[in-house]
Amino acid sequence: MKIGIRAHDFGCLPPVRLAEKMAAQGVEAAQLAIPKAIAGVESYAQVTDGLLREIGAAFREHHIDIAVLGCYIEPSLPDETARKAQLDTFRLGLRCAAELGAGCVGTETTLFSGPEQERPAAYDILRRSVDAMLNDAAKLGVTVAVEPVAAHTLNSPALAARLLQEFRGGGLAAIFDAVNLLTPARIETQAALWDEALAAFGPDIAAVHVKDAVVKDGALAPALLGEGVMCYDNIMRWLAQHKPGVALLREEIAPETAARDLAVMRAWAGR
């Protein structure tokens, strides 16, 4: 398994400096959201061919794979005009991913705060958005990866499996973020939740987000790896057997504790 980070957690920097800073910590893979990580860029609309060449050269020189091109949009917005603008942004991200040879373009699926009886309608909007995203991605040979999140439209392993099955063979994958699927109520039974998630969409995992959490004021809050409620034992065993080359991407890392957290990840990955 490759050990990596979310690039913008190391700052918003010129490509060469960013790659150097990650390589100094032994980072092998990254989730790169260009407007968040690259200095002077505020949106994907501003990304030029020259900048993509510069990013690609810097990352290749330092042997850092771009496992995920982060282009997190709101694909389940009910307003069609607003949703179209989100899909237009994603299309720009797909073009960047194709030029950089990124493993996939990743997104979550929009916060869902309505009553449960409204979820089918939100899911239908998501399905239509994913269909459009995959049509664009197919033209560029790019994989699209969706991230299930307990508080979002795609909120469970079962619903993620349903979406992946609907687009089987169409270039759709999953990003597995265990903390984003966890709720305080599931902490004690999390092993069963991870077994459920891996059975549901494990073969479709394109990348894994790694983080930890503690319960604070009734909600989950970030913690250093190994100091929170997360238990990665079953997840890491499954990945070692079934996805040995997958990128483990530390989210919410702080530069001052990066060496410590990356060492924990290497230990978990048996490195």
Protein backbone atom coordinates (compact mmCIF):
# COMPACT_ATOMS: atom_id res chain seq x y z
CA MET A 1 0.00 0.00 0.00
CA LYS A 2 1.20 3.49 -0.84
CA ILE A 3 1.43 6.02 1.97
CA GLY A 4 0.08 9.45 1.12
CA ILE A 5 -1.66 12.62 2.19
CA ARG A 6 -4.13 15.25 1.07
CA ALA A 7 -1.72 17.67 -0.58
CA HIS A 8 -3.27 20.92 0.61
CA ASP A 9 -2.79 19.86 4.23
CA PHE A 10 0.86 20.72 3.57
CA GLY A 11 -0.07 24.20 2.37
CA CYS A 12 -0.91 26.13 -0.77
CA LEU A 13 2.42 26.27 -2.60
CA PRO A 14 4.08 26.33 -6.02
CA PRO A 15 4.14 22.81 -7.51
CA VAL A 16 7.85 22.17 -7.05
CA ARG A 17 7.86 23.36 -3.44
CA LEU A 18 4.77 21.31 -2.61
CA ALA A 19 6.24 18.15 -4.13
CA GLU A 20 9.54 18.73 -2.31
CA LYS A 21 7.78 19.19 1.01
CA MET A 22 5.79 15.98 0.61
CA ALA A 23 8.77 13.97 -0.62
CA ALA A 24 10.79 15.07 2.42
CA GLN A 25 8.25 13.17 4.56
CA GLY A 26 8.42 10.06 2.39
CA VAL A 27 4.99 10.65 0.84
CA GLU A 28 4.33 8.32 -2.09
CA ALA A 29 0.83 9.38 -3.14
CA ALA A 30 -1.46 12.38 -2.83
CA GLN A 31 -4.97 13.62 -3.21
CA LEU A 32 -4.51 16.84 -5.15
CA ALA A 33 -7.18 19.55 -5.21
CA ILE A 34 -5.40 22.08 -7.40
CA PRO A 35 -7.27 25.22 -6.26
CA LYS A 36 -6.53 24.33 -2.63
CA ALA A 37 -2.95 23.13 -3.00
CA ILE A 38 -1.34 25.18 -5.77
CA ALA A 39 -0.53 28.82 -5.13
CA GLY A 40 -2.18 31.38 -7.41
CA VAL A 41 -5.06 29.13 -8.47
CA GLU A 42 -8.56 29.78 -7.15
CA SER A 43 -10.60 27.51 -9.43
CA TYR A 44 -10.20 24.76 -11.99
CA ALA A 45 -11.14 27.27 -14.67
CA GLN A 46 -7.79 28.98 -14.05
CA VAL A 47 -5.68 25.85 -14.59
CA THR A 48 -3.57 26.15 -17.73
CA ASP A 49 -1.81 23.50 -19.80
CA GLY A 50 1.48 24.96 -18.66
CA LEU A 51 0.55 24.62 -15.01
CA LEU A 52 -0.49 21.00 -15.53
CA ARG A 53 2.88 20.26 -17.14
CA GLU A 54 4.61 21.93 -14.19
CA ILE A 55 2.60 19.95 -11.64
CA GLY A 56 3.12 16.68 -13.49
CA ALA A 57 6.86 17.19 -13.78
CA ALA A 58 7.23 18.11 -10.11
CA PHE A 59 5.27 15.12 -8.85
CA ARG A 60 7.03 12.70 -11.20
CA GLU A 61 10.46 13.99 -10.20
CA HIS A 62 9.65 13.29 -6.56
CA HIS A 63 7.93 9.96 -7.28
CA ILE A 64 4.53 11.00 -5.92
CA ASP A 65 1.47 9.47 -7.55
CA ILE A 66 -1.65 11.59 -7.87
CA ALA A 67 -4.01 8.92 -6.58
CA VAL A 68 -7.02 11.26 -6.47
CA LEU A 69 -7.65 14.54 -8.24
CA GLY A 70 -9.93 16.21 -5.70
CA CYS A 71 -12.83 17.99 -7.37
CA TYR A 72 -15.48 17.87 -4.67
CA ILE A 73 -18.77 19.17 -6.04
CA GLU A 74 -22.46 19.05 -5.04
CA PRO A 75 -23.95 16.49 -7.46
CA SER A 76 -27.25 16.12 -5.59
CA LEU A 77 -28.38 19.73 -5.54
CA PRO A 78 -32.09 19.93 -6.39
CA ASP A 79 -31.69 23.21 -8.28
CA GLU A 80 -30.87 22.24 -11.86
CA THR A 81 -28.99 25.43 -12.73
CA ALA A 82 -26.81 25.21 -9.63
CA ARG A 83 -26.18 21.52 -10.24
CA LYS A 84 -25.18 22.17 -13.87
CA ALA A 85 -22.58 24.68 -12.65
CA GLN A 86 -21.20 22.00 -10.32
CA LEU A 87 -20.99 19.49 -13.17
CA ASP A 88 -19.23 22.07 -15.33
CA THR A 89 -16.58 22.37 -12.61
CA PHE A 90 -16.22 18.60 -12.44
CA ARG A 91 -15.71 18.49 -16.20
CA LEU A 92 -12.74 20.83 -15.78
CA GLY A 93 -11.37 18.52 -13.10
CA LEU A 94 -11.66 15.55 -15.43
CA ARG A 95 -9.54 17.34 -18.01
CA CYS A 96 -6.85 18.02 -15.38
CA ALA A 97 -6.90 14.41 -14.23
CA ALA A 98 -6.45 13.16 -17.79
CA GLU A 99 -3.44 15.41 -18.32
CA LEU A 100 -1.86 14.44 -14.99
CA GLY A 101 -2.60 10.72 -15.20
CA ALA A 102 -4.47 10.82 -11.88
CA GLY A 103 -5.92 7.59 -10.57
CA CYS A 104 -9.41 9.06 -10.36
CA VAL A 105 -11.39 12.25 -9.82
CA GLY A 106 -13.09 12.16 -6.44
CA THR A 107 -16.16 13.82 -4.99
CA GLU A 108 -18.62 13.47 -2.12
CA THR A 109 -22.36 13.52 -2.86
CA THR A 110 -23.90 16.58 -1.10
CA LEU A 111 -25.06 17.04 2.48
CA PHE A 112 -28.51 15.52 3.08
CA SER A 113 -30.52 17.04 5.90
CA GLY A 114 -34.10 16.28 4.87
CA PRO A 115 -36.45 13.58 6.16
CA GLU A 116 -35.52 10.06 5.14
CA GLN A 117 -38.50 9.77 2.82
CA GLU A 118 -36.86 12.41 0.61
CA ARG A 119 -33.64 10.44 0.15
CA PRO A 120 -34.89 8.50 -2.92
CA ALA A 121 -35.44 11.79 -4.75
CA ALA A 122 -31.97 13.01 -3.77
CA TYR A 123 -30.49 9.70 -4.86
CA ASP A 124 -32.21 9.98 -8.25
CA ILE A 125 -30.63 13.40 -8.76
CA LEU A 126 -27.27 11.94 -7.78
CA ARG A 127 -27.71 9.07 -10.21
CA ARG A 128 -28.44 11.47 -13.08
CA SER A 129 -25.40 13.57 -12.17
CA VAL A 130 -23.16 10.52 -12.02
CA ASP A 131 -24.42 9.43 -15.42
CA ALA A 132 -23.39 12.79 -16.89
CA MET A 133 -20.04 12.72 -15.06
CA LEU A 134 -19.23 9.26 -16.37
CA ASN A 135 -20.16 10.22 -19.92
CA ASP A 136 -17.65 13.07 -19.75
CA ALA A 137 -15.04 10.90 -18.04
CA ALA A 138 -15.30 8.15 -20.64
CA LYS A 139 -14.24 10.56 -23.38
CA LEU A 140 -11.00 11.20 -21.48
CA GLY A 141 -10.38 7.72 -20.11
CA VAL A 142 -10.72 8.92 -16.51
CA THR A 143 -12.21 7.10 -13.50
CA VAL A 144 -14.80 8.85 -11.31
CA ALA A 145 -14.80 7.99 -7.59
CA VAL A 146 -17.62 8.81 -5.17
CA GLU A 147 -17.16 8.94 -1.40
CA PRO A 148 -19.97 7.66 0.84
CA VAL A 149 -20.54 9.88 3.89
CA ALA A 150 -23.06 9.20 6.66
CA ALA A 151 -24.45 12.74 6.50
CA HIS A 152 -24.68 12.91 2.69
CA THR A 153 -26.95 11.60 -0.03
CA LEU A 154 -24.81 8.48 -0.44
CA ASN A 155 -24.92 7.65 3.25
CA SER A 156 -24.46 3.90 3.62
CA PRO A 157 -22.54 0.93 2.25
CA ALA A 158 -25.75 -0.48 0.81
CA LEU A 159 -26.60 2.69 -1.11
CA ALA A 160 -23.03 2.99 -2.35
CA ALA A 161 -23.19 -0.60 -3.59
CA ARG A 162 -26.45 0.17 -5.39
CA LEU A 163 -24.96 3.15 -7.21
CA LEU A 164 -21.82 1.27 -8.17
CA GLN A 165 -23.91 -1.63 -9.47
CA GLU A 166 -26.09 0.68 -11.56
CA PHE A 167 -22.99 1.92 -13.35
CA ARG A 168 -21.02 -1.33 -13.34
CA GLY A 169 -18.39 -1.22 -16.08
CA GLY A 170 -18.87 2.51 -16.62
CA GLY A 171 -15.76 3.78 -14.86
CA LEU A 172 -17.22 4.44 -11.41
CA ALA A 173 -15.20 3.67 -8.26
CA ALA A 174 -15.36 4.45 -4.54
CA ILE A 175 -13.23 6.35 -2.05
CA PHE A 176 -13.41 4.69 1.35
CA ASP A 177 -13.32 7.10 4.27
CA ALA A 178 -14.20 5.08 7.34
CA VAL A 179 -14.54 8.07 9.68
CA ASN A 180 -16.97 9.72 7.27
CA LEU A 181 -19.20 6.64 7.48
CA LEU A 182 -18.92 6.39 11.25
CA THR A 183 -21.37 7.97 13.68
CA PRO A 184 -21.08 8.11 17.49
CA ALA A 185 -23.82 5.49 17.70
CA ARG A 186 -21.76 3.01 15.64
CA ILE A 187 -18.44 3.31 17.46
CA GLU A 188 -18.91 0.15 19.54
CA THR A 189 -20.10 -1.85 16.51
CA GLN A 190 -17.72 -0.35 13.97
CA ALA A 191 -16.08 -3.68 13.09
CA ALA A 192 -19.40 -4.87 11.68
CA LEU A 193 -19.76 -1.59 9.77
CA TRP A 194 -16.33 -2.03 8.16
CA ASP A 195 -17.14 -5.61 7.21
CA GLU A 196 -20.38 -4.37 5.67
CA ALA A 197 -18.63 -1.59 3.75
CA LEU A 198 -15.87 -3.81 2.41
CA ALA A 199 -18.36 -6.45 1.34
CA ALA A 200 -20.51 -3.82 -0.34
CA PHE A 201 -17.91 -1.85 -2.30
CA GLY A 202 -14.46 -3.11 -1.35
CA PRO A 203 -13.54 -4.32 -4.85
CA ASP A 204 -14.44 -0.86 -6.19
CA ILE A 205 -12.17 1.09 -3.83
CA ALA A 206 -9.84 3.44 -5.70
CA ALA A 207 -8.29 5.11 -2.63
CA VAL A 208 -8.63 5.09 1.15
CA HIS A 209 -8.78 8.14 3.40
CA VAL A 210 -7.12 7.57 6.76
CA LYS A 211 -7.92 9.65 9.82
CA ASP A 212 -9.03 9.27 13.42
CA ALA A 213 -11.63 10.93 15.62
CA VAL A 214 -12.83 11.46 19.17
CA VAL A 215 -16.31 12.23 20.38
CA LYS A 216 -16.69 15.88 21.33
CA ASP A 217 -20.01 17.49 22.20
CA GLY A 218 -21.81 14.49 20.75
CA ALA A 219 -20.05 14.60 17.39
CA LEU A 220 -16.82 13.27 15.91
CA ALA A 221 -13.81 15.59 15.95
CA PRO A 222 -10.31 15.03 14.46
CA ALA A 223 -7.62 13.22 16.42
CA LEU A 224 -4.09 12.00 15.88
CA LEU A 225 -3.95 8.53 14.35
CA GLY A 226 -4.20 5.86 17.00
CA GLU A 227 -5.48 8.26 19.66
CA GLY A 228 -9.15 8.21 18.70
CA VAL A 229 -12.03 5.77 18.45
CA MET A 230 -11.13 4.26 15.07
CA CYS A 231 -10.03 0.65 14.78
CA TYR A 232 -8.35 -0.05 11.45
CA ASP A 233 -7.31 -3.66 12.11
CA ASN A 234 -9.96 -5.35 9.95
CA ILE A 235 -9.71 -2.70 7.25
CA MET A 236 -5.94 -2.99 6.90
CA ARG A 237 -6.05 -6.79 6.85
CA TRP A 238 -8.66 -6.71 4.08
CA LEU A 239 -6.73 -4.14 2.06
CA ALA A 240 -3.46 -6.05 2.39
CA GLN A 241 -5.17 -9.12 0.96
CA HIS A 242 -7.39 -7.57 -1.69
CA LYS A 243 -5.97 -4.11 -2.51
CA PRO A 244 -2.23 -4.28 -1.76
CA GLY A 245 -1.40 -1.40 -4.11
CA VAL A 246 -4.06 1.05 -2.92
CA ALA A 247 -3.13 4.54 -1.72
CA LEU A 248 -3.73 5.29 1.97
CA LEU A 249 -4.25 9.06 2.11
CA ARG A 250 -3.98 10.76 5.48
CA GLU A 251 -6.53 13.55 5.77
CA GLU A 252 -6.39 16.44 8.21
CA ILE A 253 -2.67 15.96 8.78
CA ALA A 254 -0.72 18.74 10.44
CA PRO A 255 2.83 19.34 9.14
CA GLU A 256 4.21 19.35 12.68
CA THR A 257 2.83 15.85 13.36
CA ALA A 258 3.20 14.49 9.82
CA ALA A 259 6.23 12.30 10.55
CA ARG A 260 4.46 10.74 13.51
CA ASP A 261 1.19 10.06 11.67
CA LEU A 262 2.88 8.75 8.53
CA ALA A 263 4.90 6.35 10.69
CA VAL A 264 1.65 5.08 12.22
CA MET A 265 0.22 4.53 8.74
CA ARG A 266 3.30 2.59 7.67
CA ALA A 267 2.97 0.37 10.72
CA TRP A 268 -0.71 -0.23 10.03
CA ALA A 269 0.14 -1.11 6.42
CA GLY A 270 2.83 -3.55 7.59
CA ARG A 271 5.63 -1.45 6.14
